[in-house]
Amino acid sequence: MQPLSREVPIDPARAALLIVDVQKYNCTWDGAEYAGIGAADKEARYGYFFRTFKDSALPNLVRLQQACRRARIEVLYTVVESLTADGRDRRSITRSRDFHVPKGSPDAHMVDELAPTGDEMVFPRPPRRCSSRPTSTTCCAISARGP
């Protein structure tokens, strides 16, 4: 028996990179998630997040995305986005918390550094604070499983 290892071969035809919710709504300083929060309060509450995201997480995501593209591994994305501009499709819990990314809004786009290219698939999913898993019964899961 071989020892367990994280070093396993990847079959590009059977693999995909899924980038989940790295979008302007919550990953940019001006995203709607932070609307109404003053600059000083935003820095105090979220400064560490934004610095870590910019200096560590984002560059690593970009490198991973580029490596997968070079290896012809499918790159997929999910974004939180209401099905309607007015958000009438949202569940009551997200309406009560004013959690809304309008359909077609710039906040529903991936951050610029990770923008999809060509025909890479982006799967919008309605905002649900509790349990919205992109890999269960969504279009993303169905597409990822293939024919």
N, C-alpha and C. Protein backbone atom coordinates (compact mmCIF):
# COMPACT_ATOMS: atom_id res chain seq x y z
N MET A 1 0.85 -1.18 0.00
CA MET A 1 0.00 0.00 0.00
C MET A 1 0.89 1.24 0.00
N GLN A 2 0.54 2.20 -0.86
CA GLN A 2 1.30 3.44 -0.93
C GLN A 2 0.84 4.39 0.17
N PRO A 3 1.76 5.18 0.69
CA PRO A 3 1.37 6.16 1.72
C PRO A 3 0.48 7.25 1.11
N LEU A 4 -0.37 7.80 1.94
CA LEU A 4 -1.23 8.89 1.48
C LEU A 4 -0.38 10.10 1.14
N SER A 5 -0.81 10.82 0.11
CA SER A 5 -0.07 11.99 -0.32
C SER A 5 -1.02 12.99 -0.96
N ARG A 6 -0.67 14.25 -0.85
CA ARG A 6 -1.42 15.28 -1.56
C ARG A 6 -0.92 15.43 -2.98
N GLU A 7 0.19 14.80 -3.28
CA GLU A 7 0.78 14.86 -4.61
C GLU A 7 0.15 13.77 -5.47
N VAL A 8 -0.96 14.09 -6.08
CA VAL A 8 -1.66 13.13 -6.93
C VAL A 8 -1.79 13.72 -8.33
N PRO A 9 -1.75 12.88 -9.33
CA PRO A 9 -1.88 13.40 -10.69
C PRO A 9 -3.30 13.93 -10.93
N ILE A 10 -3.39 14.96 -11.74
CA ILE A 10 -4.69 15.55 -12.07
C ILE A 10 -4.96 15.27 -13.54
N ASP A 11 -6.12 14.71 -13.82
CA ASP A 11 -6.55 14.49 -15.19
C ASP A 11 -7.34 15.72 -15.61
N PRO A 12 -6.78 16.57 -16.49
CA PRO A 12 -7.46 17.81 -16.88
C PRO A 12 -8.87 17.61 -17.41
N ALA A 13 -9.12 16.47 -18.02
CA ALA A 13 -10.45 16.21 -18.56
C ALA A 13 -11.47 15.93 -17.47
N ARG A 14 -10.99 15.61 -16.27
CA ARG A 14 -11.90 15.27 -15.18
C ARG A 14 -11.79 16.22 -14.00
N ALA A 15 -11.10 17.32 -14.20
CA ALA A 15 -10.86 18.26 -13.10
C ALA A 15 -11.41 19.64 -13.46
N ALA A 16 -11.64 20.42 -12.45
CA ALA A 16 -12.05 21.81 -12.65
C ALA A 16 -11.64 22.61 -11.42
N LEU A 17 -11.41 23.89 -11.64
CA LEU A 17 -11.17 24.83 -10.55
C LEU A 17 -12.46 25.63 -10.39
N LEU A 18 -13.01 25.63 -9.20
CA LEU A 18 -14.22 26.39 -8.90
C LEU A 18 -13.84 27.55 -8.00
N ILE A 19 -14.02 28.78 -8.49
CA ILE A 19 -13.75 29.98 -7.71
C ILE A 19 -15.10 30.51 -7.24
N VAL A 20 -15.28 30.53 -5.92
CA VAL A 20 -16.59 30.80 -5.33
C VAL A 20 -16.68 32.21 -4.75
N ASP A 21 -17.57 33.01 -5.32
CA ASP A 21 -17.99 34.30 -4.74
C ASP A 21 -16.88 35.31 -4.52
N VAL A 22 -15.84 35.28 -5.33
CA VAL A 22 -14.78 36.29 -5.22
C VAL A 22 -15.18 37.43 -6.14
N GLN A 23 -16.15 38.19 -5.67
CA GLN A 23 -16.80 39.18 -6.52
C GLN A 23 -16.72 40.57 -5.92
N LYS A 24 -17.09 41.54 -6.71
CA LYS A 24 -16.97 42.94 -6.30
C LYS A 24 -17.86 43.27 -5.10
N TYR A 25 -18.96 42.59 -4.93
CA TYR A 25 -19.87 42.84 -3.82
C TYR A 25 -19.15 42.77 -2.47
N ASN A 26 -18.34 41.75 -2.29
CA ASN A 26 -17.74 41.51 -0.98
C ASN A 26 -16.22 41.52 -0.95
N CYS A 27 -15.58 41.65 -2.11
CA CYS A 27 -14.12 41.57 -2.15
C CYS A 27 -13.47 42.85 -2.67
N THR A 28 -14.24 43.92 -2.75
CA THR A 28 -13.65 45.21 -3.11
C THR A 28 -14.07 46.23 -2.05
N TRP A 29 -13.21 47.20 -1.85
CA TRP A 29 -13.42 48.24 -0.84
C TRP A 29 -14.75 48.95 -1.05
N ASP A 30 -15.15 49.13 -2.31
CA ASP A 30 -16.38 49.85 -2.63
C ASP A 30 -17.58 48.94 -2.85
N GLY A 31 -17.44 47.65 -2.55
CA GLY A 31 -18.54 46.71 -2.74
C GLY A 31 -19.74 47.05 -1.86
N ALA A 32 -20.92 46.70 -2.34
CA ALA A 32 -22.16 47.03 -1.62
C ALA A 32 -22.24 46.39 -0.23
N GLU A 33 -21.50 45.34 0.00
CA GLU A 33 -21.48 44.73 1.34
C GLU A 33 -21.06 45.76 2.40
N TYR A 34 -20.26 46.73 1.98
CA TYR A 34 -19.71 47.70 2.92
C TYR A 34 -20.31 49.10 2.76
N ALA A 35 -21.40 49.19 2.00
CA ALA A 35 -22.06 50.49 1.80
C ALA A 35 -22.54 51.04 3.13
N GLY A 36 -22.39 52.32 3.29
CA GLY A 36 -22.86 52.96 4.51
C GLY A 36 -21.89 52.87 5.68
N ILE A 37 -20.75 52.25 5.48
CA ILE A 37 -19.74 52.17 6.54
C ILE A 37 -18.67 53.22 6.22
N GLY A 38 -18.40 54.09 7.15
CA GLY A 38 -17.38 55.13 6.95
C GLY A 38 -16.00 54.52 6.78
N ALA A 39 -15.11 55.28 6.15
CA ALA A 39 -13.77 54.79 5.85
C ALA A 39 -13.01 54.33 7.09
N ALA A 40 -13.07 55.11 8.17
CA ALA A 40 -12.33 54.75 9.38
C ALA A 40 -12.89 53.47 10.00
N ASP A 41 -14.22 53.36 10.05
CA ASP A 41 -14.85 52.16 10.61
C ASP A 41 -14.58 50.95 9.72
N LYS A 42 -14.63 51.17 8.41
CA LYS A 42 -14.36 50.08 7.48
C LYS A 42 -12.93 49.58 7.66
N GLU A 43 -11.99 50.51 7.80
CA GLU A 43 -10.59 50.11 8.02
C GLU A 43 -10.46 49.34 9.32
N ALA A 44 -11.10 49.82 10.37
CA ALA A 44 -11.02 49.15 11.68
C ALA A 44 -11.62 47.74 11.62
N ARG A 45 -12.74 47.61 10.95
CA ARG A 45 -13.46 46.34 10.92
C ARG A 45 -12.96 45.37 9.85
N TYR A 46 -12.56 45.91 8.69
CA TYR A 46 -12.27 45.04 7.55
C TYR A 46 -10.89 45.26 6.93
N GLY A 47 -10.10 46.14 7.49
CA GLY A 47 -8.78 46.42 6.92
C GLY A 47 -7.91 45.19 6.79
N TYR A 48 -7.89 44.36 7.83
CA TYR A 48 -7.07 43.15 7.79
C TYR A 48 -7.53 42.24 6.65
N PHE A 49 -8.84 42.08 6.51
CA PHE A 49 -9.37 41.25 5.44
C PHE A 49 -8.89 41.74 4.08
N PHE A 50 -9.06 43.03 3.82
CA PHE A 50 -8.69 43.56 2.52
C PHE A 50 -7.19 43.47 2.26
N ARG A 51 -6.37 43.74 3.28
CA ARG A 51 -4.92 43.63 3.10
C ARG A 51 -4.52 42.18 2.82
N THR A 52 -5.06 41.26 3.58
CA THR A 52 -4.73 39.84 3.39
C THR A 52 -5.23 39.34 2.04
N PHE A 53 -6.43 39.75 1.69
CA PHE A 53 -6.98 39.36 0.39
C PHE A 53 -6.09 39.87 -0.74
N LYS A 54 -5.72 41.15 -0.69
CA LYS A 54 -4.91 41.76 -1.75
C LYS A 54 -3.50 41.20 -1.81
N ASP A 55 -2.88 40.99 -0.65
CA ASP A 55 -1.47 40.60 -0.60
C ASP A 55 -1.23 39.10 -0.67
N SER A 56 -2.24 38.29 -0.32
CA SER A 56 -2.01 36.86 -0.24
C SER A 56 -3.04 36.05 -1.03
N ALA A 57 -4.30 36.15 -0.64
CA ALA A 57 -5.32 35.30 -1.25
C ALA A 57 -5.47 35.57 -2.75
N LEU A 58 -5.61 36.83 -3.12
CA LEU A 58 -5.84 37.14 -4.53
C LEU A 58 -4.67 36.74 -5.43
N PRO A 59 -3.44 37.07 -5.09
CA PRO A 59 -2.33 36.62 -5.96
C PRO A 59 -2.27 35.10 -6.09
N ASN A 60 -2.57 34.40 -5.02
CA ASN A 60 -2.56 32.93 -5.09
C ASN A 60 -3.70 32.41 -5.96
N LEU A 61 -4.86 33.03 -5.86
CA LEU A 61 -5.98 32.64 -6.73
C LEU A 61 -5.65 32.90 -8.19
N VAL A 62 -5.03 34.03 -8.48
CA VAL A 62 -4.65 34.36 -9.85
C VAL A 62 -3.66 33.33 -10.38
N ARG A 63 -2.66 32.97 -9.59
CA ARG A 63 -1.68 31.96 -10.02
C ARG A 63 -2.34 30.62 -10.28
N LEU A 64 -3.25 30.24 -9.41
CA LEU A 64 -3.96 28.96 -9.59
C LEU A 64 -4.83 29.00 -10.84
N GLN A 65 -5.54 30.10 -11.04
CA GLN A 65 -6.37 30.27 -12.23
C GLN A 65 -5.52 30.17 -13.50
N GLN A 66 -4.39 30.86 -13.53
CA GLN A 66 -3.52 30.85 -14.71
C GLN A 66 -2.93 29.47 -14.96
N ALA A 67 -2.54 28.78 -13.88
CA ALA A 67 -1.99 27.42 -14.03
C ALA A 67 -3.04 26.47 -14.59
N CYS A 68 -4.27 26.59 -14.12
CA CYS A 68 -5.33 25.73 -14.64
C CYS A 68 -5.62 26.04 -16.09
N ARG A 69 -5.65 27.29 -16.45
CA ARG A 69 -5.86 27.65 -17.86
C ARG A 69 -4.76 27.06 -18.74
N ARG A 70 -3.50 27.19 -18.29
CA ARG A 70 -2.38 26.64 -19.08
C ARG A 70 -2.51 25.13 -19.24
N ALA A 71 -2.98 24.47 -18.20
CA ALA A 71 -3.11 23.01 -18.23
C ALA A 71 -4.42 22.56 -18.87
N ARG A 72 -5.19 23.50 -19.35
CA ARG A 72 -6.50 23.23 -19.96
C ARG A 72 -7.46 22.56 -18.99
N ILE A 73 -7.36 22.99 -17.74
CA ILE A 73 -8.32 22.56 -16.72
C ILE A 73 -9.43 23.61 -16.68
N GLU A 74 -10.65 23.15 -16.72
CA GLU A 74 -11.80 24.06 -16.73
C GLU A 74 -11.78 24.96 -15.50
N VAL A 75 -12.01 26.25 -15.71
CA VAL A 75 -12.14 27.20 -14.61
C VAL A 75 -13.59 27.66 -14.58
N LEU A 76 -14.23 27.45 -13.44
CA LEU A 76 -15.65 27.79 -13.24
C LEU A 76 -15.75 28.82 -12.12
N TYR A 77 -16.84 29.56 -12.13
CA TYR A 77 -17.05 30.60 -11.14
C TYR A 77 -18.48 30.56 -10.64
N THR A 78 -18.66 30.88 -9.37
CA THR A 78 -20.00 31.18 -8.87
C THR A 78 -19.98 32.60 -8.33
N VAL A 79 -21.10 33.27 -8.48
CA VAL A 79 -21.29 34.59 -7.91
C VAL A 79 -22.66 34.64 -7.26
N VAL A 80 -22.75 35.37 -6.18
CA VAL A 80 -24.05 35.62 -5.57
C VAL A 80 -24.70 36.73 -6.39
N GLU A 81 -25.89 36.46 -6.90
CA GLU A 81 -26.62 37.42 -7.70
C GLU A 81 -28.09 37.06 -7.67
N SER A 82 -28.91 38.01 -7.33
CA SER A 82 -30.35 37.77 -7.35
C SER A 82 -30.79 37.44 -8.78
N LEU A 83 -31.88 36.75 -8.88
CA LEU A 83 -32.43 36.41 -10.19
C LEU A 83 -33.15 37.59 -10.82
N THR A 84 -33.45 38.60 -10.00
CA THR A 84 -34.18 39.78 -10.46
C THR A 84 -33.46 41.03 -9.98
N ALA A 85 -33.68 42.14 -10.69
CA ALA A 85 -33.05 43.40 -10.30
C ALA A 85 -33.59 43.92 -8.98
N ASP A 86 -34.87 43.65 -8.69
CA ASP A 86 -35.46 44.17 -7.46
C ASP A 86 -35.35 43.20 -6.28
N GLY A 87 -34.84 42.01 -6.52
CA GLY A 87 -34.61 41.05 -5.43
C GLY A 87 -35.84 40.33 -4.93
N ARG A 88 -36.91 40.35 -5.68
CA ARG A 88 -38.14 39.71 -5.20
C ARG A 88 -38.00 38.19 -5.09
N ASP A 89 -36.97 37.63 -5.70
CA ASP A 89 -36.73 36.20 -5.65
C ASP A 89 -36.05 35.73 -4.36
N ARG A 90 -35.58 36.67 -3.54
CA ARG A 90 -34.83 36.30 -2.35
C ARG A 90 -35.72 35.69 -1.28
N ARG A 91 -35.11 34.86 -0.45
CA ARG A 91 -35.80 34.31 0.71
C ARG A 91 -36.02 35.40 1.75
N SER A 92 -36.94 35.16 2.64
CA SER A 92 -37.27 36.18 3.65
C SER A 92 -36.08 36.51 4.53
N ILE A 93 -35.22 35.55 4.83
CA ILE A 93 -34.07 35.82 5.70
C ILE A 93 -33.11 36.80 5.04
N THR A 94 -32.91 36.69 3.73
CA THR A 94 -32.00 37.63 3.06
C THR A 94 -32.67 38.98 2.84
N ARG A 95 -33.99 38.97 2.67
CA ARG A 95 -34.69 40.26 2.56
C ARG A 95 -34.62 41.01 3.88
N SER A 96 -34.80 40.29 5.00
CA SER A 96 -34.78 40.95 6.30
C SER A 96 -33.40 41.49 6.65
N ARG A 97 -32.36 40.91 6.11
CA ARG A 97 -30.99 41.38 6.37
C ARG A 97 -30.49 42.30 5.26
N ASP A 98 -31.36 42.61 4.31
CA ASP A 98 -31.02 43.49 3.20
C ASP A 98 -29.81 42.97 2.43
N PHE A 99 -29.74 41.68 2.26
CA PHE A 99 -28.66 41.03 1.52
C PHE A 99 -29.13 40.89 0.08
N HIS A 100 -28.59 41.72 -0.81
CA HIS A 100 -29.10 41.76 -2.18
C HIS A 100 -28.01 42.19 -3.15
N VAL A 101 -27.77 41.37 -4.15
CA VAL A 101 -26.89 41.71 -5.26
C VAL A 101 -27.77 41.68 -6.50
N PRO A 102 -28.21 42.85 -6.97
CA PRO A 102 -29.17 42.89 -8.08
C PRO A 102 -28.65 42.22 -9.34
N LYS A 103 -29.56 41.58 -10.06
CA LYS A 103 -29.22 40.98 -11.34
C LYS A 103 -28.61 42.05 -12.24
N GLY A 104 -27.47 41.74 -12.84
CA GLY A 104 -26.80 42.66 -13.75
C GLY A 104 -25.95 43.72 -13.08
N SER A 105 -25.91 43.74 -11.76
CA SER A 105 -25.14 44.73 -11.02
C SER A 105 -23.64 44.48 -11.17
N PRO A 106 -22.84 45.55 -11.21
CA PRO A 106 -21.37 45.37 -11.20
C PRO A 106 -20.90 44.57 -9.98
N ASP A 107 -21.63 44.65 -8.86
CA ASP A 107 -21.26 43.88 -7.68
C ASP A 107 -21.34 42.37 -7.91
N ALA A 108 -22.08 41.95 -8.92
CA ALA A 108 -22.21 40.53 -9.22
C ALA A 108 -21.04 40.00 -10.06
N HIS A 109 -20.17 40.89 -10.50
CA HIS A 109 -19.03 40.46 -11.32
C HIS A 109 -17.87 40.02 -10.44
N MET A 110 -17.07 39.12 -10.98
CA MET A 110 -15.84 38.72 -10.30
C MET A 110 -14.94 39.94 -10.18
N VAL A 111 -14.03 39.91 -9.20
CA VAL A 111 -13.04 40.99 -9.12
C VAL A 111 -12.25 41.00 -10.42
N ASP A 112 -11.77 42.15 -10.81
CA ASP A 112 -11.12 42.32 -12.12
C ASP A 112 -9.97 41.33 -12.34
N GLU A 113 -9.18 41.10 -11.31
CA GLU A 113 -8.00 40.23 -11.46
C GLU A 113 -8.38 38.78 -11.79
N LEU A 114 -9.59 38.38 -11.46
CA LEU A 114 -10.04 37.00 -11.71
C LEU A 114 -11.14 36.93 -12.76
N ALA A 115 -11.28 37.97 -13.55
CA ALA A 115 -12.36 38.01 -14.52
C ALA A 115 -12.31 36.80 -15.46
N PRO A 116 -13.45 36.17 -15.70
CA PRO A 116 -13.50 35.06 -16.64
C PRO A 116 -13.11 35.52 -18.05
N THR A 117 -12.55 34.62 -18.80
CA THR A 117 -12.21 34.91 -20.19
C THR A 117 -12.86 33.89 -21.10
N GLY A 118 -12.95 34.25 -22.36
CA GLY A 118 -13.48 33.31 -23.35
C GLY A 118 -14.84 32.78 -22.95
N ASP A 119 -14.96 31.48 -22.97
CA ASP A 119 -16.25 30.87 -22.64
C ASP A 119 -16.24 30.17 -21.27
N GLU A 120 -15.43 30.69 -20.35
CA GLU A 120 -15.47 30.14 -18.99
C GLU A 120 -16.86 30.39 -18.40
N MET A 121 -17.35 29.42 -17.67
CA MET A 121 -18.72 29.48 -17.15
C MET A 121 -18.80 30.20 -15.81
N VAL A 122 -19.78 31.08 -15.69
CA VAL A 122 -20.09 31.79 -14.46
C VAL A 122 -21.51 31.40 -14.07
N PHE A 123 -21.66 30.93 -12.84
CA PHE A 123 -22.96 30.46 -12.36
C PHE A 123 -23.48 31.40 -11.28
N PRO A 124 -24.44 32.25 -11.62
CA PRO A 124 -25.05 33.08 -10.59
C PRO A 124 -25.94 32.24 -9.70
N ARG A 125 -25.99 32.58 -8.44
CA ARG A 125 -26.88 31.88 -7.52
C ARG A 125 -27.49 32.91 -6.59
N PRO A 126 -28.76 32.73 -6.27
CA PRO A 126 -29.45 33.71 -5.44
C PRO A 126 -28.82 33.81 -4.06
N PRO A 127 -28.86 34.99 -3.45
CA PRO A 127 -28.30 35.15 -2.11
C PRO A 127 -29.09 34.37 -1.08
N ARG A 128 -28.36 33.54 -0.34
CA ARG A 128 -28.95 32.79 0.77
C ARG A 128 -27.88 32.71 1.84
N ARG A 129 -28.07 33.39 2.91
CA ARG A 129 -27.06 33.44 3.98
C ARG A 129 -26.80 32.08 4.60
N CYS A 130 -27.79 31.22 4.65
CA CYS A 130 -27.65 30.00 5.43
C CYS A 130 -26.95 28.87 4.69
N SER A 131 -27.50 28.41 3.59
CA SER A 131 -26.92 27.23 2.98
C SER A 131 -27.10 27.25 1.47
N SER A 132 -26.24 27.93 0.80
CA SER A 132 -26.28 27.95 -0.66
C SER A 132 -24.99 27.32 -1.15
N ARG A 133 -25.04 26.05 -1.38
CA ARG A 133 -23.85 25.33 -1.80
C ARG A 133 -23.80 25.24 -3.32
N PRO A 134 -22.77 25.81 -3.94
CA PRO A 134 -22.71 25.79 -5.40
C PRO A 134 -22.48 24.40 -5.97
N THR A 135 -22.09 23.44 -5.15
CA THR A 135 -21.77 22.12 -5.68
C THR A 135 -22.84 21.08 -5.42
N SER A 136 -24.03 21.48 -5.04
CA SER A 136 -25.06 20.48 -4.79
C SER A 136 -26.00 20.33 -5.98
N THR A 137 -27.09 21.07 -6.02
CA THR A 137 -28.07 20.86 -7.08
C THR A 137 -28.19 22.06 -8.00
N THR A 138 -27.18 22.86 -8.09
CA THR A 138 -27.23 24.05 -8.92
C THR A 138 -26.81 23.72 -10.35
N CYS A 139 -26.98 24.70 -11.23
CA CYS A 139 -26.49 24.53 -12.62
C CYS A 139 -25.00 24.26 -12.62
N CYS A 140 -24.29 24.84 -11.67
CA CYS A 140 -22.85 24.63 -11.57
C CYS A 140 -22.56 23.14 -11.37
N ALA A 141 -23.25 22.51 -10.45
CA ALA A 141 -23.02 21.10 -10.16
C ALA A 141 -23.38 20.24 -11.36
N ILE A 142 -24.47 20.55 -11.99
CA ILE A 142 -24.91 19.77 -13.14
C ILE A 142 -23.91 19.90 -14.28
N SER A 143 -23.42 21.10 -14.54
CA SER A 143 -22.44 21.32 -15.60
C SER A 143 -21.10 20.65 -15.27
N ALA A 144 -20.70 20.74 -14.01
CA ALA A 144 -19.41 20.17 -13.61
C ALA A 144 -19.40 18.65 -13.75
N ARG A 145 -20.55 18.02 -13.51
CA ARG A 145 -20.62 16.56 -13.63
C ARG A 145 -20.53 16.11 -15.08
N GLY A 146 -20.90 16.98 -15.99
CA GLY A 146 -20.78 16.67 -17.41
C GLY A 146 -21.84 15.70 -17.89
N PRO A 147 -21.76 15.35 -19.17
CA PRO A 147 -22.77 14.47 -19.77
C PRO A 147 -22.70 13.05 -19.26
